[in-house]
Amino acid sequence: MGFTGGLFAVALVMFFTLGRSFLPSFNEGSFTINISSLPGISLAESDKMGHRAEELLMSIPEIQTVARKTGRAELDEHALGVNVSEIEAPFELKDRSRQELVADVRA
């Protein structure tokens, strides 16, 4: 019983002295932006919307390149219609914080 009590005491001390975060904060240096329009939109129109979003993102100095997927095949594990685009936008922080960059992207 004494051994079990000792282990419990050690565990209790460790519980209160160790940090609470087991994963570091993630900063992958990239955004994934999803654009959704109404179902039934043509691929050409969805492509125009995606291209405009790419142009807007490229006007932000921290973003040097973008990659976009519009829709996904029906047999894909994560099938999406042509009304959905995913844009990957890697960035490199320069003179602003991540929060300022996020606010600019959302504007």
N, C-alpha and C. Protein backbone atom coordinates (compact mmCIF):
# COMPACT_ATOMS: atom_id res chain seq x y z
N MET A 1 0.83 -1.19 0.00
CA MET A 1 0.00 0.00 0.00
C MET A 1 0.87 1.25 0.00
N GLY A 2 2.00 1.19 0.72
CA GLY A 2 2.90 2.34 0.79
C GLY A 2 3.51 2.67 -0.56
N PHE A 3 3.86 1.62 -1.33
CA PHE A 3 4.45 1.82 -2.65
C PHE A 3 3.45 2.50 -3.59
N THR A 4 2.21 2.05 -3.56
CA THR A 4 1.16 2.62 -4.40
C THR A 4 0.91 4.08 -4.02
N GLY A 5 0.90 4.36 -2.73
CA GLY A 5 0.72 5.73 -2.26
C GLY A 5 1.86 6.62 -2.71
N GLY A 6 3.09 6.09 -2.67
CA GLY A 6 4.26 6.85 -3.13
C GLY A 6 4.18 7.16 -4.61
N LEU A 7 3.79 6.17 -5.40
CA LEU A 7 3.62 6.39 -6.85
C LEU A 7 2.54 7.44 -7.12
N PHE A 8 1.46 7.35 -6.36
CA PHE A 8 0.40 8.33 -6.53
C PHE A 8 0.89 9.74 -6.20
N ALA A 9 1.67 9.87 -5.13
CA ALA A 9 2.21 11.18 -4.74
C ALA A 9 3.14 11.73 -5.82
N VAL A 10 4.00 10.87 -6.37
CA VAL A 10 4.90 11.30 -7.45
C VAL A 10 4.08 11.74 -8.67
N ALA A 11 3.06 10.96 -9.02
CA ALA A 11 2.22 11.31 -10.16
C ALA A 11 1.51 12.63 -9.92
N LEU A 12 1.06 12.86 -8.70
CA LEU A 12 0.37 14.10 -8.36
C LEU A 12 1.31 15.30 -8.49
N VAL A 13 2.53 15.16 -7.99
CA VAL A 13 3.51 16.24 -8.10
C VAL A 13 3.81 16.52 -9.57
N MET A 14 4.01 15.47 -10.35
CA MET A 14 4.30 15.65 -11.78
C MET A 14 3.13 16.31 -12.50
N PHE A 15 1.92 15.95 -12.12
CA PHE A 15 0.74 16.52 -12.77
C PHE A 15 0.71 18.03 -12.61
N PHE A 16 1.06 18.52 -11.43
CA PHE A 16 0.98 19.95 -11.18
C PHE A 16 2.23 20.72 -11.60
N THR A 17 3.33 20.04 -11.88
CA THR A 17 4.55 20.75 -12.25
C THR A 17 4.88 20.69 -13.73
N LEU A 18 4.38 19.71 -14.45
CA LEU A 18 4.65 19.62 -15.88
C LEU A 18 3.77 20.60 -16.65
N GLY A 19 4.24 20.97 -17.83
CA GLY A 19 3.45 21.88 -18.67
C GLY A 19 2.15 21.25 -19.12
N ARG A 20 1.24 22.06 -19.52
CA ARG A 20 -0.08 21.58 -19.94
C ARG A 20 -0.17 21.34 -21.44
N SER A 21 0.76 21.87 -22.20
CA SER A 21 0.68 21.76 -23.65
C SER A 21 1.58 20.62 -24.13
N PHE A 22 1.00 19.66 -24.79
CA PHE A 22 1.77 18.54 -25.30
C PHE A 22 2.13 18.71 -26.78
N LEU A 23 1.45 19.59 -27.46
CA LEU A 23 1.77 19.88 -28.86
C LEU A 23 2.20 21.33 -28.97
N PRO A 24 3.24 21.59 -29.73
CA PRO A 24 3.63 22.99 -29.93
C PRO A 24 2.61 23.69 -30.81
N SER A 25 2.61 25.00 -30.78
CA SER A 25 1.70 25.71 -31.67
C SER A 25 2.18 25.50 -33.10
N PHE A 26 1.25 25.30 -33.99
CA PHE A 26 1.58 25.03 -35.39
C PHE A 26 1.72 26.32 -36.16
N ASN A 27 2.76 26.42 -36.92
CA ASN A 27 2.95 27.52 -37.86
C ASN A 27 3.57 26.92 -39.10
N GLU A 28 2.73 26.39 -39.96
CA GLU A 28 3.21 25.71 -41.15
C GLU A 28 3.56 26.68 -42.27
N GLY A 29 3.28 27.95 -42.07
CA GLY A 29 3.61 28.92 -43.10
C GLY A 29 2.77 28.81 -44.35
N SER A 30 1.53 28.38 -44.20
CA SER A 30 0.66 28.20 -45.36
C SER A 30 -0.80 28.33 -44.93
N PHE A 31 -1.60 28.89 -45.82
CA PHE A 31 -3.05 28.95 -45.63
C PHE A 31 -3.70 27.94 -46.56
N THR A 32 -4.80 27.36 -46.13
CA THR A 32 -5.69 26.63 -47.01
C THR A 32 -7.00 27.39 -46.98
N ILE A 33 -7.39 27.91 -48.13
CA ILE A 33 -8.58 28.75 -48.22
C ILE A 33 -9.62 28.00 -49.06
N ASN A 34 -10.82 27.86 -48.52
CA ASN A 34 -11.91 27.19 -49.23
C ASN A 34 -12.91 28.22 -49.71
N ILE A 35 -13.29 28.10 -50.97
CA ILE A 35 -14.29 28.99 -51.56
C ILE A 35 -15.46 28.13 -52.00
N SER A 36 -16.64 28.46 -51.54
CA SER A 36 -17.84 27.71 -51.92
C SER A 36 -18.84 28.65 -52.55
N SER A 37 -19.43 28.20 -53.63
CA SER A 37 -20.52 28.95 -54.26
C SER A 37 -21.74 28.05 -54.29
N LEU A 38 -22.79 28.52 -54.90
CA LEU A 38 -24.02 27.74 -54.95
C LEU A 38 -23.85 26.49 -55.82
N PRO A 39 -24.42 25.37 -55.40
CA PRO A 39 -24.37 24.17 -56.25
C PRO A 39 -25.04 24.47 -57.59
N GLY A 40 -24.53 23.87 -58.63
CA GLY A 40 -25.09 24.08 -59.96
C GLY A 40 -24.33 25.11 -60.77
N ILE A 41 -23.37 25.80 -60.16
CA ILE A 41 -22.56 26.77 -60.89
C ILE A 41 -21.73 26.02 -61.93
N SER A 42 -21.49 26.64 -63.05
CA SER A 42 -20.69 25.98 -64.09
C SER A 42 -19.22 25.95 -63.68
N LEU A 43 -18.49 25.02 -64.25
CA LEU A 43 -17.06 24.93 -63.97
C LEU A 43 -16.35 26.20 -64.44
N ALA A 44 -16.77 26.75 -65.58
CA ALA A 44 -16.14 27.97 -66.10
C ALA A 44 -16.33 29.13 -65.13
N GLU A 45 -17.53 29.29 -64.59
CA GLU A 45 -17.79 30.38 -63.65
C GLU A 45 -17.05 30.16 -62.34
N SER A 46 -17.03 28.94 -61.86
CA SER A 46 -16.29 28.63 -60.64
C SER A 46 -14.80 28.88 -60.85
N ASP A 47 -14.29 28.58 -62.04
CA ASP A 47 -12.89 28.83 -62.36
C ASP A 47 -12.59 30.32 -62.35
N LYS A 48 -13.51 31.13 -62.87
CA LYS A 48 -13.32 32.59 -62.86
C LYS A 48 -13.24 33.11 -61.42
N MET A 49 -14.13 32.62 -60.56
CA MET A 49 -14.12 33.05 -59.16
C MET A 49 -12.81 32.65 -58.48
N GLY A 50 -12.36 31.43 -58.74
CA GLY A 50 -11.11 30.97 -58.15
C GLY A 50 -9.92 31.77 -58.64
N HIS A 51 -9.92 32.09 -59.93
CA HIS A 51 -8.83 32.89 -60.50
C HIS A 51 -8.80 34.28 -59.87
N ARG A 52 -9.95 34.87 -59.65
CA ARG A 52 -10.02 36.20 -59.02
C ARG A 52 -9.48 36.13 -57.58
N ALA A 53 -9.83 35.08 -56.87
CA ALA A 53 -9.32 34.91 -55.50
C ALA A 53 -7.80 34.76 -55.52
N GLU A 54 -7.27 34.03 -56.50
CA GLU A 54 -5.81 33.90 -56.63
C GLU A 54 -5.16 35.26 -56.86
N GLU A 55 -5.76 36.06 -57.73
CA GLU A 55 -5.21 37.40 -58.00
C GLU A 55 -5.18 38.25 -56.72
N LEU A 56 -6.27 38.19 -55.96
CA LEU A 56 -6.33 38.96 -54.72
C LEU A 56 -5.26 38.49 -53.73
N LEU A 57 -5.08 37.19 -53.62
CA LEU A 57 -4.06 36.66 -52.71
C LEU A 57 -2.65 37.05 -53.16
N MET A 58 -2.41 37.01 -54.46
CA MET A 58 -1.08 37.34 -54.98
C MET A 58 -0.75 38.81 -54.80
N SER A 59 -1.74 39.65 -54.54
CA SER A 59 -1.48 41.07 -54.31
C SER A 59 -0.95 41.32 -52.89
N ILE A 60 -0.97 40.30 -52.05
CA ILE A 60 -0.45 40.42 -50.69
C ILE A 60 1.05 40.10 -50.73
N PRO A 61 1.90 41.01 -50.27
CA PRO A 61 3.36 40.83 -50.42
C PRO A 61 3.92 39.54 -49.81
N GLU A 62 3.36 39.06 -48.73
CA GLU A 62 3.90 37.86 -48.07
C GLU A 62 3.60 36.57 -48.83
N ILE A 63 2.64 36.62 -49.76
CA ILE A 63 2.26 35.43 -50.52
C ILE A 63 2.92 35.51 -51.90
N GLN A 64 3.77 34.53 -52.19
CA GLN A 64 4.52 34.53 -53.45
C GLN A 64 3.92 33.61 -54.50
N THR A 65 3.16 32.61 -54.08
CA THR A 65 2.59 31.65 -55.02
C THR A 65 1.30 31.08 -54.44
N VAL A 66 0.43 30.59 -55.31
CA VAL A 66 -0.80 29.93 -54.88
C VAL A 66 -1.02 28.70 -55.76
N ALA A 67 -1.77 27.75 -55.24
CA ALA A 67 -2.17 26.56 -56.00
C ALA A 67 -3.64 26.31 -55.69
N ARG A 68 -4.41 26.04 -56.75
CA ARG A 68 -5.86 25.89 -56.56
C ARG A 68 -6.35 24.59 -57.16
N LYS A 69 -7.33 23.98 -56.48
CA LYS A 69 -8.07 22.84 -56.99
C LYS A 69 -9.54 23.23 -56.99
N THR A 70 -10.20 23.04 -58.09
CA THR A 70 -11.63 23.33 -58.15
C THR A 70 -12.36 22.01 -58.37
N GLY A 71 -13.14 21.60 -57.37
CA GLY A 71 -13.84 20.33 -57.42
C GLY A 71 -12.89 19.15 -57.26
N ARG A 72 -13.46 18.00 -56.98
CA ARG A 72 -12.70 16.75 -56.90
C ARG A 72 -13.56 15.65 -57.49
N ALA A 73 -12.92 14.65 -58.05
CA ALA A 73 -13.62 13.56 -58.72
C ALA A 73 -14.60 12.86 -57.78
N GLU A 74 -15.66 12.32 -58.36
CA GLU A 74 -16.69 11.67 -57.55
C GLU A 74 -16.16 10.48 -56.77
N LEU A 75 -15.17 9.78 -57.30
CA LEU A 75 -14.63 8.61 -56.61
C LEU A 75 -13.49 8.98 -55.66
N ASP A 76 -13.19 10.26 -55.56
CA ASP A 76 -12.15 10.72 -54.63
C ASP A 76 -12.62 10.49 -53.20
N GLU A 77 -11.67 10.29 -52.32
CA GLU A 77 -11.99 10.08 -50.91
C GLU A 77 -12.72 11.28 -50.31
N HIS A 78 -12.40 12.47 -50.79
CA HIS A 78 -13.03 13.71 -50.31
C HIS A 78 -13.67 14.42 -51.50
N ALA A 79 -14.64 13.80 -52.13
CA ALA A 79 -15.26 14.34 -53.33
C ALA A 79 -15.89 15.70 -53.06
N LEU A 80 -15.70 16.63 -54.00
CA LEU A 80 -16.29 17.96 -53.93
C LEU A 80 -16.83 18.32 -55.30
N GLY A 81 -17.90 19.09 -55.31
CA GLY A 81 -18.45 19.55 -56.57
C GLY A 81 -17.62 20.67 -57.17
N VAL A 82 -17.95 21.05 -58.40
CA VAL A 82 -17.21 22.14 -59.05
C VAL A 82 -17.50 23.49 -58.40
N ASN A 83 -18.45 23.53 -57.48
CA ASN A 83 -18.76 24.78 -56.78
C ASN A 83 -17.81 25.05 -55.61
N VAL A 84 -16.85 24.16 -55.37
CA VAL A 84 -15.91 24.32 -54.26
C VAL A 84 -14.48 24.36 -54.79
N SER A 85 -13.74 25.38 -54.35
CA SER A 85 -12.31 25.49 -54.69
C SER A 85 -11.50 25.51 -53.40
N GLU A 86 -10.34 24.89 -53.45
CA GLU A 86 -9.37 24.94 -52.35
C GLU A 86 -8.12 25.63 -52.86
N ILE A 87 -7.67 26.63 -52.13
CA ILE A 87 -6.47 27.35 -52.53
C ILE A 87 -5.42 27.19 -51.43
N GLU A 88 -4.25 26.72 -51.82
CA GLU A 88 -3.10 26.65 -50.91
C GLU A 88 -2.26 27.90 -51.17
N ALA A 89 -1.95 28.62 -50.11
CA ALA A 89 -1.18 29.86 -50.24
C ALA A 89 -0.06 29.89 -49.21
N PRO A 90 1.13 29.41 -49.59
CA PRO A 90 2.26 29.52 -48.67
C PRO A 90 2.66 30.97 -48.50
N PHE A 91 3.14 31.32 -47.32
CA PHE A 91 3.52 32.72 -47.08
C PHE A 91 4.80 32.77 -46.26
N GLU A 92 5.44 33.92 -46.32
CA GLU A 92 6.63 34.18 -45.52
C GLU A 92 6.42 35.51 -44.83
N LEU A 93 6.36 35.48 -43.50
CA LEU A 93 6.14 36.71 -42.74
C LEU A 93 7.33 37.63 -42.89
N LYS A 94 7.05 38.90 -43.16
CA LYS A 94 8.12 39.88 -43.34
C LYS A 94 8.03 40.94 -42.24
N ASP A 95 7.23 41.95 -42.46
CA ASP A 95 7.15 43.08 -41.53
C ASP A 95 5.89 43.06 -40.67
N ARG A 96 5.05 42.03 -40.83
CA ARG A 96 3.79 41.99 -40.10
C ARG A 96 3.68 40.69 -39.32
N SER A 97 2.77 40.70 -38.37
CA SER A 97 2.50 39.48 -37.60
C SER A 97 1.56 38.58 -38.39
N ARG A 98 1.45 37.35 -37.95
CA ARG A 98 0.53 36.40 -38.58
C ARG A 98 -0.91 36.90 -38.48
N GLN A 99 -1.27 37.49 -37.34
CA GLN A 99 -2.63 37.99 -37.15
C GLN A 99 -2.94 39.11 -38.15
N GLU A 100 -1.98 39.98 -38.41
CA GLU A 100 -2.19 41.05 -39.38
C GLU A 100 -2.35 40.49 -40.79
N LEU A 101 -1.56 39.47 -41.11
CA LEU A 101 -1.67 38.83 -42.42
C LEU A 101 -3.03 38.16 -42.58
N VAL A 102 -3.47 37.45 -41.56
CA VAL A 102 -4.78 36.79 -41.60
C VAL A 102 -5.88 37.83 -41.80
N ALA A 103 -5.80 38.94 -41.09
CA ALA A 103 -6.81 40.00 -41.24
C ALA A 103 -6.81 40.53 -42.67
N ASP A 104 -5.64 40.68 -43.28
CA ASP A 104 -5.54 41.16 -44.66
C ASP A 104 -6.15 40.15 -45.63
N VAL A 105 -5.88 38.87 -45.43
CA VAL A 105 -6.44 37.83 -46.30
C VAL A 105 -7.95 37.78 -46.19
N ARG A 106 -8.47 37.95 -44.99
CA ARG A 106 -9.93 37.89 -44.80
C ARG A 106 -10.64 39.13 -45.30
N ALA A 107 -9.92 40.23 -45.49
CA ALA A 107 -10.55 41.49 -45.89
C ALA A 107 -10.91 41.51 -47.32
